[in-house]
Each structure stands twice: as structure tokens, then as C-alpha cells.
Amino acid sequence: MIDLLTLQKSFLLTHLKPGDTAVDFTMGNGHDTLFLSETVGPTGHVFAFDIQERALEKTKELLDAHGAENYTLILSSHHLVKDYVKTPIKAGTFNLGYLPGGGNKALTTKCETTMPAVEAALDLLDHDGVLIIAVYPGHEEGSEEGKMLDAYFETISRFKLCITKIKIVNAPTSPYFYVIERK
């Protein structure tokens, strides 16, 4: 069976190199932030966003335990990315939904902030850059975010961005993700 997380990382690794800048738009427990940090190395930088203090604390603990020093954790909504990130990015990750591992499941990403965050991420995305957006349709807001992203991505020229959707077809409520690559 396909391991979606391994597949996501393989797409990131084809674009992201030491010295690059990356953004974790939904830091959660920090696993993507750590992966991005290790990939860009000490000469690169990672910005990570979350609106929950608990996410920031868990991520800082994880990064500190691995000796990471190349990051900025931001307690703010991902749609405000351009207030903090002023340079082009080579990669970005989104895990839409709620904070896993005991987080408040009523507190989720929302269409009204996810859409401007994705638009800002696309504006910041450098040549040969990549965004990974994981969608969790097993809850109502996640399903709506997926529909919204499908409709939006269908309007973008394939000559500007290559947008791929990876989904397990016979598991309709399982997570899926988009790979957005700038040509």
C-alpha cells in the first residue's frame, strides 16, 4: 500500500535543497517543520505557522530535541504569511484540519483562511518550487476545503503550475494531497 507521507516527502526532496527557504503553513506537532529544517540545513530557513500555543510548544520541543536552529515559529494564522516571509520559498506544506494528538477537534483550518493562505503561498513560490497540501475530508470543514481547492486549482493554467491530486479512490474519507509545482 502507498504510504502517503513518504510520497509527500519524495516530492519535497525533488525541489528542496540545503540553503533554501521553506514554510510549514500548519505546524501542528512539528513533524513537517522538522523535516523541512533538516532538509534545508543550517544555511536554510523554515517558517512555521499555527494559531494554537500548544502547537508552537510541541514543535519547539521537537526542534530543540533535534538541535535545529534554522527556524522561526509564528503564533499566527497561515493566511498572514506575507507579513512574515519576505523572500521566495522553495517548498511549503499544509496539513489542513485540526491539531492531531489531543488537540481541540472543533478548532480546524477554515476555508476563509485556507484560501488566502494558499494564494499567498503560490505568490511566494519560487521557480522550481513545490507546495504539498494535505486535505482531511473525514470532517465537514475538511470536505469543504477540498471542494474549494479543487474548484480553485481547476482555474489555474497548467503552463504556469503543475497541480496533481493524489487520492486513494476506494477510501473516500481518507486523506489525500495536492502537489503544486511551479514550472
N, C-alpha and C. Protein backbone atom coordinates (compact mmCIF):
# COMPACT_ATOMS: atom_id res chain seq x y z
N MET A 1 0.84 -1.18 0.00
CA MET A 1 0.00 0.00 0.00
C MET A 1 0.88 1.24 0.00
N ILE A 2 0.43 2.27 -0.64
CA ILE A 2 1.17 3.53 -0.73
C ILE A 2 1.17 4.22 0.63
N ASP A 3 2.35 4.67 1.05
CA ASP A 3 2.49 5.48 2.26
C ASP A 3 2.48 6.94 1.81
N LEU A 4 1.39 7.63 2.09
CA LEU A 4 1.22 9.00 1.60
C LEU A 4 2.29 9.94 2.14
N LEU A 5 2.71 9.77 3.40
CA LEU A 5 3.73 10.65 3.97
C LEU A 5 5.07 10.49 3.27
N THR A 6 5.45 9.26 2.98
CA THR A 6 6.70 9.01 2.25
C THR A 6 6.63 9.61 0.86
N LEU A 7 5.49 9.49 0.23
CA LEU A 7 5.31 10.04 -1.11
C LEU A 7 5.41 11.57 -1.09
N GLN A 8 4.79 12.19 -0.08
CA GLN A 8 4.87 13.65 0.06
C GLN A 8 6.33 14.09 0.20
N LYS A 9 7.08 13.40 1.04
CA LYS A 9 8.49 13.76 1.26
C LYS A 9 9.30 13.60 -0.02
N SER A 10 8.99 12.58 -0.82
CA SER A 10 9.74 12.39 -2.06
C SER A 10 9.53 13.57 -3.01
N PHE A 11 8.32 14.11 -3.05
CA PHE A 11 8.07 15.29 -3.89
C PHE A 11 8.83 16.50 -3.36
N LEU A 12 8.83 16.66 -2.05
CA LEU A 12 9.56 17.79 -1.46
C LEU A 12 11.05 17.69 -1.76
N LEU A 13 11.60 16.49 -1.64
CA LEU A 13 13.04 16.31 -1.83
C LEU A 13 13.49 16.55 -3.28
N THR A 14 12.59 16.48 -4.23
CA THR A 14 12.98 16.76 -5.62
C THR A 14 13.13 18.26 -5.88
N HIS A 15 12.67 19.08 -4.95
CA HIS A 15 12.72 20.54 -5.13
C HIS A 15 13.55 21.24 -4.06
N LEU A 16 13.52 20.76 -2.85
CA LEU A 16 14.10 21.45 -1.69
C LEU A 16 15.54 21.02 -1.47
N LYS A 17 16.43 22.00 -1.31
CA LYS A 17 17.87 21.74 -1.16
C LYS A 17 18.42 22.52 0.05
N PRO A 18 19.61 22.15 0.50
CA PRO A 18 20.25 22.93 1.56
C PRO A 18 20.37 24.40 1.16
N GLY A 19 20.08 25.28 2.11
CA GLY A 19 20.15 26.71 1.87
C GLY A 19 18.84 27.34 1.44
N ASP A 20 17.84 26.54 1.14
CA ASP A 20 16.54 27.06 0.69
C ASP A 20 15.71 27.57 1.86
N THR A 21 14.63 28.26 1.50
CA THR A 21 13.63 28.72 2.46
C THR A 21 12.36 27.92 2.24
N ALA A 22 11.75 27.48 3.35
CA ALA A 22 10.52 26.69 3.29
C ALA A 22 9.54 27.19 4.35
N VAL A 23 8.27 26.85 4.16
CA VAL A 23 7.24 27.24 5.12
C VAL A 23 6.37 26.05 5.45
N ASP A 24 6.17 25.83 6.74
CA ASP A 24 5.17 24.89 7.22
C ASP A 24 3.97 25.74 7.62
N PHE A 25 2.95 25.73 6.80
CA PHE A 25 1.80 26.61 6.99
C PHE A 25 0.89 26.18 8.14
N THR A 26 1.04 24.95 8.61
CA THR A 26 0.22 24.41 9.69
C THR A 26 1.12 23.51 10.55
N MET A 27 1.86 24.09 11.47
CA MET A 27 2.93 23.34 12.14
C MET A 27 2.46 22.17 12.97
N GLY A 28 1.27 22.22 13.55
CA GLY A 28 0.78 21.07 14.31
C GLY A 28 1.76 20.63 15.38
N ASN A 29 2.19 19.38 15.32
CA ASN A 29 3.15 18.85 16.29
C ASN A 29 4.60 18.98 15.82
N GLY A 30 4.82 19.58 14.67
CA GLY A 30 6.16 19.93 14.23
C GLY A 30 6.88 18.94 13.35
N HIS A 31 6.24 17.87 12.95
CA HIS A 31 6.95 16.85 12.17
C HIS A 31 7.35 17.36 10.78
N ASP A 32 6.47 18.08 10.11
CA ASP A 32 6.84 18.66 8.81
C ASP A 32 7.89 19.76 8.99
N THR A 33 7.74 20.55 10.06
CA THR A 33 8.72 21.60 10.33
C THR A 33 10.11 20.99 10.51
N LEU A 34 10.19 19.91 11.26
CA LEU A 34 11.48 19.24 11.48
C LEU A 34 12.03 18.70 10.16
N PHE A 35 11.21 18.05 9.36
CA PHE A 35 11.66 17.52 8.07
C PHE A 35 12.19 18.65 7.18
N LEU A 36 11.46 19.75 7.11
CA LEU A 36 11.90 20.88 6.30
C LEU A 36 13.21 21.45 6.83
N SER A 37 13.31 21.58 8.15
CA SER A 37 14.52 22.10 8.79
C SER A 37 15.73 21.24 8.47
N GLU A 38 15.58 19.94 8.61
CA GLU A 38 16.70 19.04 8.31
C GLU A 38 17.08 19.08 6.84
N THR A 39 16.09 19.25 5.97
CA THR A 39 16.35 19.26 4.53
C THR A 39 17.06 20.53 4.09
N VAL A 40 16.67 21.69 4.59
CA VAL A 40 17.32 22.94 4.17
C VAL A 40 18.64 23.16 4.90
N GLY A 41 18.86 22.45 6.00
CA GLY A 41 20.14 22.51 6.70
C GLY A 41 20.40 23.85 7.38
N PRO A 42 21.59 23.98 7.94
CA PRO A 42 21.92 25.17 8.73
C PRO A 42 21.98 26.46 7.92
N THR A 43 22.13 26.38 6.61
CA THR A 43 22.17 27.60 5.79
C THR A 43 20.79 27.98 5.24
N GLY A 44 19.79 27.13 5.47
CA GLY A 44 18.43 27.42 5.04
C GLY A 44 17.60 27.92 6.20
N HIS A 45 16.33 28.15 5.93
CA HIS A 45 15.44 28.63 7.00
C HIS A 45 14.02 28.12 6.77
N VAL A 46 13.35 27.83 7.89
CA VAL A 46 11.96 27.38 7.87
C VAL A 46 11.12 28.31 8.73
N PHE A 47 10.01 28.74 8.17
CA PHE A 47 9.00 29.48 8.91
C PHE A 47 7.85 28.52 9.15
N ALA A 48 7.28 28.54 10.36
CA ALA A 48 6.16 27.64 10.66
C ALA A 48 5.06 28.42 11.38
N PHE A 49 3.82 28.16 10.96
CA PHE A 49 2.66 28.89 11.48
C PHE A 49 1.68 27.95 12.17
N ASP A 50 1.09 28.43 13.24
CA ASP A 50 -0.07 27.79 13.84
C ASP A 50 -0.75 28.81 14.73
N ILE A 51 -2.04 28.63 14.96
CA ILE A 51 -2.78 29.57 15.81
C ILE A 51 -2.90 29.07 17.24
N GLN A 52 -2.40 27.87 17.50
CA GLN A 52 -2.51 27.29 18.84
C GLN A 52 -1.15 27.29 19.54
N GLU A 53 -1.13 27.85 20.73
CA GLU A 53 0.09 27.88 21.55
C GLU A 53 0.65 26.48 21.75
N ARG A 54 -0.23 25.51 21.95
CA ARG A 54 0.22 24.12 22.16
C ARG A 54 1.02 23.60 20.97
N ALA A 55 0.61 23.94 19.77
CA ALA A 55 1.35 23.52 18.58
C ALA A 55 2.75 24.13 18.57
N LEU A 56 2.83 25.40 18.90
CA LEU A 56 4.12 26.07 18.95
C LEU A 56 5.03 25.41 19.99
N GLU A 57 4.50 25.12 21.16
CA GLU A 57 5.29 24.49 22.22
C GLU A 57 5.78 23.11 21.82
N LYS A 58 4.88 22.28 21.26
CA LYS A 58 5.25 20.92 20.85
C LYS A 58 6.31 20.96 19.74
N THR A 59 6.14 21.88 18.80
CA THR A 59 7.09 21.99 17.69
C THR A 59 8.45 22.44 18.20
N LYS A 60 8.48 23.43 19.08
CA LYS A 60 9.76 23.91 19.63
C LYS A 60 10.47 22.80 20.37
N GLU A 61 9.73 22.02 21.17
CA GLU A 61 10.34 20.89 21.89
C GLU A 61 10.98 19.90 20.91
N LEU A 62 10.26 19.57 19.84
CA LEU A 62 10.76 18.62 18.85
C LEU A 62 12.01 19.16 18.15
N LEU A 63 11.95 20.41 17.73
CA LEU A 63 13.09 21.01 17.03
C LEU A 63 14.31 21.12 17.94
N ASP A 64 14.09 21.54 19.17
CA ASP A 64 15.19 21.65 20.13
C ASP A 64 15.82 20.29 20.42
N ALA A 65 14.99 19.25 20.51
CA ALA A 65 15.49 17.90 20.77
C ALA A 65 16.38 17.40 19.63
N HIS A 66 16.19 17.95 18.44
CA HIS A 66 16.99 17.56 17.27
C HIS A 66 18.09 18.58 16.94
N GLY A 67 18.26 19.58 17.80
CA GLY A 67 19.32 20.56 17.60
C GLY A 67 19.10 21.54 16.48
N ALA A 68 17.87 21.70 16.04
CA ALA A 68 17.57 22.64 14.95
C ALA A 68 17.68 24.07 15.44
N GLU A 69 18.23 24.93 14.59
CA GLU A 69 18.35 26.35 14.92
C GLU A 69 17.91 27.25 13.76
N ASN A 70 17.46 26.67 12.69
CA ASN A 70 17.19 27.41 11.46
C ASN A 70 15.70 27.65 11.22
N TYR A 71 15.00 28.05 12.26
CA TYR A 71 13.55 28.16 12.13
C TYR A 71 13.02 29.40 12.83
N THR A 72 11.82 29.81 12.42
CA THR A 72 11.05 30.84 13.08
C THR A 72 9.64 30.29 13.26
N LEU A 73 9.21 30.17 14.51
CA LEU A 73 7.85 29.70 14.80
C LEU A 73 6.96 30.91 15.02
N ILE A 74 5.81 30.91 14.39
CA ILE A 74 4.94 32.08 14.38
C ILE A 74 3.55 31.69 14.87
N LEU A 75 3.13 32.30 15.97
CA LEU A 75 1.81 32.06 16.52
C LEU A 75 0.83 33.01 15.83
N SER A 76 0.39 32.59 14.66
CA SER A 76 -0.50 33.40 13.84
C SER A 76 -1.09 32.52 12.75
N SER A 77 -2.10 33.03 12.10
CA SER A 77 -2.76 32.29 11.03
C SER A 77 -1.89 32.24 9.78
N HIS A 78 -1.96 31.11 9.09
CA HIS A 78 -1.17 30.92 7.87
C HIS A 78 -1.52 31.92 6.77
N HIS A 79 -2.71 32.49 6.82
CA HIS A 79 -3.08 33.43 5.75
C HIS A 79 -2.31 34.75 5.87
N LEU A 80 -1.61 34.95 6.99
CA LEU A 80 -0.81 36.16 7.19
C LEU A 80 0.66 35.95 6.84
N VAL A 81 0.96 34.91 6.10
CA VAL A 81 2.34 34.53 5.79
C VAL A 81 3.15 35.69 5.22
N LYS A 82 2.56 36.50 4.38
CA LYS A 82 3.32 37.58 3.75
C LYS A 82 3.71 38.69 4.72
N ASP A 83 3.10 38.71 5.90
CA ASP A 83 3.52 39.65 6.93
C ASP A 83 4.87 39.24 7.53
N TYR A 84 5.25 37.98 7.36
CA TYR A 84 6.45 37.43 7.99
C TYR A 84 7.51 36.95 7.00
N VAL A 85 7.08 36.41 5.88
CA VAL A 85 8.01 35.84 4.91
C VAL A 85 8.12 36.81 3.74
N LYS A 86 9.33 37.31 3.52
CA LYS A 86 9.54 38.35 2.52
C LYS A 86 10.36 37.87 1.32
N THR A 87 10.78 36.60 1.34
CA THR A 87 11.59 36.07 0.25
C THR A 87 10.85 34.90 -0.42
N PRO A 88 11.22 34.58 -1.65
CA PRO A 88 10.60 33.41 -2.31
C PRO A 88 10.90 32.13 -1.53
N ILE A 89 9.98 31.18 -1.62
CA ILE A 89 10.15 29.90 -0.93
C ILE A 89 10.28 28.78 -1.96
N LYS A 90 11.04 27.77 -1.61
CA LYS A 90 11.20 26.60 -2.48
C LYS A 90 10.18 25.51 -2.16
N ALA A 91 9.65 25.53 -0.93
CA ALA A 91 8.68 24.49 -0.56
C ALA A 91 7.78 25.00 0.55
N GLY A 92 6.58 24.43 0.56
CA GLY A 92 5.63 24.71 1.61
C GLY A 92 4.76 23.51 1.84
N THR A 93 4.35 23.33 3.10
CA THR A 93 3.47 22.21 3.44
C THR A 93 2.24 22.73 4.19
N PHE A 94 1.12 22.13 3.89
CA PHE A 94 -0.14 22.38 4.59
C PHE A 94 -0.69 21.03 5.02
N ASN A 95 -1.10 20.89 6.26
CA ASN A 95 -1.89 19.76 6.72
C ASN A 95 -3.17 20.37 7.28
N LEU A 96 -4.18 20.42 6.44
CA LEU A 96 -5.43 21.06 6.83
C LEU A 96 -6.16 20.19 7.85
N GLY A 97 -6.95 20.82 8.69
CA GLY A 97 -7.69 20.07 9.69
C GLY A 97 -7.42 20.59 11.08
N TYR A 98 -7.33 19.68 12.04
CA TYR A 98 -7.14 20.06 13.44
C TYR A 98 -5.82 19.50 13.96
N LEU A 99 -5.40 20.01 15.10
CA LEU A 99 -4.15 19.59 15.73
C LEU A 99 -4.27 18.14 16.18
N PRO A 100 -3.46 17.25 15.62
CA PRO A 100 -3.55 15.84 16.00
C PRO A 100 -2.97 15.58 17.39
N GLY A 101 -3.39 14.47 17.98
CA GLY A 101 -2.83 14.06 19.27
C GLY A 101 -3.39 14.82 20.45
N GLY A 102 -4.69 14.93 20.52
CA GLY A 102 -5.30 15.55 21.69
C GLY A 102 -5.65 17.01 21.51
N GLY A 103 -5.50 17.53 20.31
CA GLY A 103 -5.90 18.91 20.06
C GLY A 103 -7.41 19.06 20.05
N ASN A 104 -7.88 20.28 20.07
CA ASN A 104 -9.30 20.59 20.04
C ASN A 104 -9.82 20.35 18.62
N LYS A 105 -10.59 19.28 18.44
CA LYS A 105 -11.07 18.92 17.10
C LYS A 105 -12.09 19.92 16.56
N ALA A 106 -12.63 20.77 17.42
CA ALA A 106 -13.55 21.81 16.96
C ALA A 106 -12.78 22.99 16.35
N LEU A 107 -11.49 23.08 16.65
CA LEU A 107 -10.66 24.15 16.12
C LEU A 107 -9.89 23.62 14.91
N THR A 108 -10.38 23.96 13.71
CA THR A 108 -9.81 23.44 12.47
C THR A 108 -9.41 24.58 11.55
N THR A 109 -8.63 24.24 10.53
CA THR A 109 -8.42 25.21 9.47
C THR A 109 -9.78 25.47 8.82
N LYS A 110 -9.93 26.63 8.25
CA LYS A 110 -11.21 27.06 7.68
C LYS A 110 -11.01 27.58 6.26
N CYS A 111 -12.02 27.38 5.44
CA CYS A 111 -11.95 27.85 4.06
C CYS A 111 -11.57 29.32 3.97
N GLU A 112 -12.12 30.14 4.87
CA GLU A 112 -11.90 31.59 4.77
C GLU A 112 -10.46 32.01 5.05
N THR A 113 -9.66 31.18 5.71
CA THR A 113 -8.24 31.50 5.87
C THR A 113 -7.36 30.59 5.01
N THR A 114 -7.83 29.40 4.72
CA THR A 114 -7.04 28.49 3.88
C THR A 114 -6.88 29.05 2.47
N MET A 115 -7.94 29.57 1.89
CA MET A 115 -7.84 30.07 0.52
C MET A 115 -6.83 31.21 0.42
N PRO A 116 -6.90 32.25 1.26
CA PRO A 116 -5.87 33.30 1.14
C PRO A 116 -4.47 32.78 1.47
N ALA A 117 -4.36 31.79 2.34
CA ALA A 117 -3.04 31.22 2.64
C ALA A 117 -2.46 30.51 1.42
N VAL A 118 -3.29 29.75 0.73
CA VAL A 118 -2.83 29.05 -0.48
C VAL A 118 -2.46 30.05 -1.56
N GLU A 119 -3.27 31.08 -1.73
CA GLU A 119 -2.95 32.11 -2.73
C GLU A 119 -1.63 32.80 -2.40
N ALA A 120 -1.41 33.12 -1.13
CA ALA A 120 -0.14 33.75 -0.71
C ALA A 120 1.02 32.79 -0.93
N ALA A 121 0.82 31.52 -0.63
CA ALA A 121 1.88 30.53 -0.83
C ALA A 121 2.26 30.44 -2.30
N LEU A 122 1.27 30.46 -3.17
CA LEU A 122 1.55 30.42 -4.61
C LEU A 122 2.30 31.66 -5.06
N ASP A 123 1.96 32.82 -4.50
CA ASP A 123 2.67 34.06 -4.83
C ASP A 123 4.13 33.99 -4.39
N LEU A 124 4.39 33.35 -3.25
CA LEU A 124 5.75 33.25 -2.71
C LEU A 124 6.57 32.14 -3.35
N LEU A 125 5.90 31.21 -4.01
CA LEU A 125 6.58 30.02 -4.53
C LEU A 125 7.58 30.37 -5.63
N ASP A 126 8.82 29.99 -5.42
CA ASP A 126 9.92 30.28 -6.33
C ASP A 126 9.87 29.36 -7.55
N HIS A 127 10.66 29.70 -8.55
CA HIS A 127 10.82 28.83 -9.72
C HIS A 127 11.28 27.45 -9.24
N ASP A 128 10.71 26.41 -9.79
CA ASP A 128 11.00 25.03 -9.41
C ASP A 128 10.67 24.74 -7.94
N GLY A 129 9.70 25.47 -7.41
CA GLY A 129 9.26 25.24 -6.04
C GLY A 129 8.08 24.29 -6.00
N VAL A 130 7.75 23.84 -4.79
CA VAL A 130 6.67 22.87 -4.61
C VAL A 130 5.87 23.17 -3.34
N LEU A 131 4.57 22.99 -3.44
CA LEU A 131 3.68 23.02 -2.27
C LEU A 131 3.01 21.66 -2.15
N ILE A 132 2.90 21.20 -0.92
CA ILE A 132 2.15 19.98 -0.62
C ILE A 132 0.99 20.40 0.28
N ILE A 133 -0.22 20.07 -0.14
CA ILE A 133 -1.41 20.42 0.66
C ILE A 133 -2.17 19.14 0.95
N ALA A 134 -2.16 18.73 2.22
CA ALA A 134 -2.89 17.53 2.65
C ALA A 134 -4.27 17.95 3.12
N VAL A 135 -5.27 17.23 2.64
CA VAL A 135 -6.68 17.50 2.95
C VAL A 135 -7.25 16.29 3.68
N TYR A 136 -8.05 16.57 4.69
CA TYR A 136 -8.66 15.51 5.51
C TYR A 136 -10.18 15.61 5.39
N PRO A 137 -10.77 14.92 4.41
CA PRO A 137 -12.20 15.06 4.15
C PRO A 137 -13.10 14.31 5.13
N GLY A 138 -12.54 13.71 6.15
CA GLY A 138 -13.33 12.95 7.11
C GLY A 138 -14.12 13.81 8.08
N HIS A 139 -13.93 15.12 8.03
CA HIS A 139 -14.76 16.03 8.83
C HIS A 139 -15.31 17.11 7.92
N GLU A 140 -16.38 17.75 8.33
CA GLU A 140 -17.13 18.65 7.44
C GLU A 140 -16.27 19.76 6.85
N GLU A 141 -15.51 20.45 7.68
CA GLU A 141 -14.70 21.56 7.17
C GLU A 141 -13.64 21.06 6.20
N GLY A 142 -13.04 19.91 6.47
CA GLY A 142 -12.05 19.34 5.57
C GLY A 142 -12.63 19.02 4.21
N SER A 143 -13.82 18.48 4.20
CA SER A 143 -14.50 18.18 2.94
C SER A 143 -14.74 19.46 2.14
N GLU A 144 -15.17 20.53 2.83
CA GLU A 144 -15.41 21.81 2.16
C GLU A 144 -14.10 22.41 1.63
N GLU A 145 -13.03 22.30 2.41
CA GLU A 145 -11.74 22.82 1.95
C GLU A 145 -11.29 22.09 0.68
N GLY A 146 -11.49 20.78 0.65
CA GLY A 146 -11.12 20.00 -0.53
C GLY A 146 -11.91 20.44 -1.76
N LYS A 147 -13.21 20.63 -1.61
CA LYS A 147 -14.04 21.08 -2.74
C LYS A 147 -13.60 22.46 -3.22
N MET A 148 -13.31 23.34 -2.26
CA MET A 148 -12.88 24.69 -2.59
C MET A 148 -11.55 24.66 -3.37
N LEU A 149 -10.61 23.85 -2.90
CA LEU A 149 -9.31 23.76 -3.57
C LEU A 149 -9.43 23.13 -4.96
N ASP A 150 -10.26 22.10 -5.10
CA ASP A 150 -10.49 21.51 -6.43
C ASP A 150 -10.98 22.58 -7.41
N ALA A 151 -11.98 23.34 -6.99
CA ALA A 151 -12.56 24.37 -7.86
C ALA A 151 -11.51 25.44 -8.21
N TYR A 152 -10.73 25.85 -7.24
CA TYR A 152 -9.70 26.87 -7.49
C TYR A 152 -8.60 26.35 -8.41
N PHE A 153 -8.09 25.17 -8.13
CA PHE A 153 -6.97 24.64 -8.91
C PHE A 153 -7.36 24.36 -10.36
N GLU A 154 -8.63 24.07 -10.60
CA GLU A 154 -9.09 23.83 -11.97
C GLU A 154 -8.98 25.09 -12.83
N THR A 155 -8.90 26.27 -12.21
CA THR A 155 -8.85 27.54 -12.94
C THR A 155 -7.42 27.96 -13.30
N ILE A 156 -6.42 27.26 -12.79
CA ILE A 156 -5.02 27.66 -12.99
C ILE A 156 -4.44 26.97 -14.21
N SER A 157 -3.79 27.74 -15.05
CA SER A 157 -3.19 27.21 -16.28
C SER A 157 -2.12 26.17 -15.96
N ARG A 158 -2.15 25.07 -16.68
CA ARG A 158 -1.15 24.02 -16.49
C ARG A 158 0.21 24.48 -17.01
N PHE A 159 0.25 25.58 -17.74
CA PHE A 159 1.52 26.11 -18.23
C PHE A 159 2.20 26.97 -17.16
N LYS A 160 1.46 27.31 -16.12
CA LYS A 160 2.00 28.10 -15.01
C LYS A 160 2.39 27.18 -13.84
N LEU A 161 1.48 26.29 -13.49
CA LEU A 161 1.69 25.36 -12.38
C LEU A 161 1.24 23.97 -12.78
N CYS A 162 1.97 22.97 -12.31
CA CYS A 162 1.52 21.58 -12.48
C CYS A 162 0.89 21.18 -11.15
N ILE A 163 -0.39 20.86 -11.18
CA ILE A 163 -1.12 20.53 -9.96
C ILE A 163 -1.63 19.10 -10.06
N THR A 164 -1.16 18.27 -9.14
CA THR A 164 -1.51 16.86 -9.11
C THR A 164 -2.25 16.57 -7.82
N LYS A 165 -3.27 15.74 -7.91
CA LYS A 165 -4.03 15.32 -6.72
C LYS A 165 -3.80 13.82 -6.54
N ILE A 166 -3.35 13.44 -5.34
CA ILE A 166 -3.09 12.03 -5.05
C ILE A 166 -4.08 11.58 -3.99
N LYS A 167 -4.91 10.63 -4.40
CA LYS A 167 -6.03 10.20 -3.55
C LYS A 167 -6.25 8.71 -3.71
N ILE A 168 -6.54 8.05 -2.59
CA ILE A 168 -6.92 6.65 -2.63
C ILE A 168 -8.39 6.61 -3.01
N VAL A 169 -8.69 6.16 -4.19
CA VAL A 169 -10.02 6.26 -4.78
C VAL A 169 -11.07 5.47 -4.01
N ASN A 170 -10.72 4.29 -3.51
CA ASN A 170 -11.72 3.46 -2.85
C ASN A 170 -11.75 3.67 -1.34
N ALA A 171 -11.30 4.84 -0.87
CA ALA A 171 -11.40 5.23 0.54
C ALA A 171 -11.78 6.71 0.58
N PRO A 172 -13.06 7.02 0.34
CA PRO A 172 -13.49 8.40 0.11
C PRO A 172 -13.25 9.37 1.26
N THR A 173 -13.14 8.89 2.50
CA THR A 173 -12.91 9.82 3.60
C THR A 173 -11.45 9.82 4.07
N SER A 174 -10.59 9.08 3.39
CA SER A 174 -9.18 9.08 3.79
C SER A 174 -8.50 10.35 3.27
N PRO A 175 -7.42 10.76 3.93
CA PRO A 175 -6.70 11.95 3.49
C PRO A 175 -6.16 11.80 2.08
N TYR A 176 -6.00 12.91 1.42
CA TYR A 176 -5.37 12.97 0.11
C TYR A 176 -4.55 14.24 0.07
N PHE A 177 -3.74 14.39 -0.97
CA PHE A 177 -2.96 15.61 -1.05
C PHE A 177 -2.75 16.09 -2.47
N TYR A 178 -2.45 17.38 -2.55
CA TYR A 178 -2.10 18.03 -3.82
C TYR A 178 -0.60 18.27 -3.83
N VAL A 179 -0.02 18.15 -4.99
CA VAL A 179 1.36 18.55 -5.24
C VAL A 179 1.28 19.68 -6.27
N ILE A 180 1.74 20.86 -5.89
CA ILE A 180 1.72 22.00 -6.79
C ILE A 180 3.16 22.38 -7.08
N GLU A 181 3.55 22.27 -8.35
CA GLU A 181 4.92 22.55 -8.76
C GLU A 181 4.94 23.75 -9.71
N ARG A 182 5.83 24.70 -9.41
CA ARG A 182 5.98 25.85 -10.30
C ARG A 182 6.94 25.48 -11.41
N LYS A 183 6.53 25.78 -12.62
CA LYS A 183 7.35 25.43 -13.79
C LYS A 183 8.42 26.48 -14.02
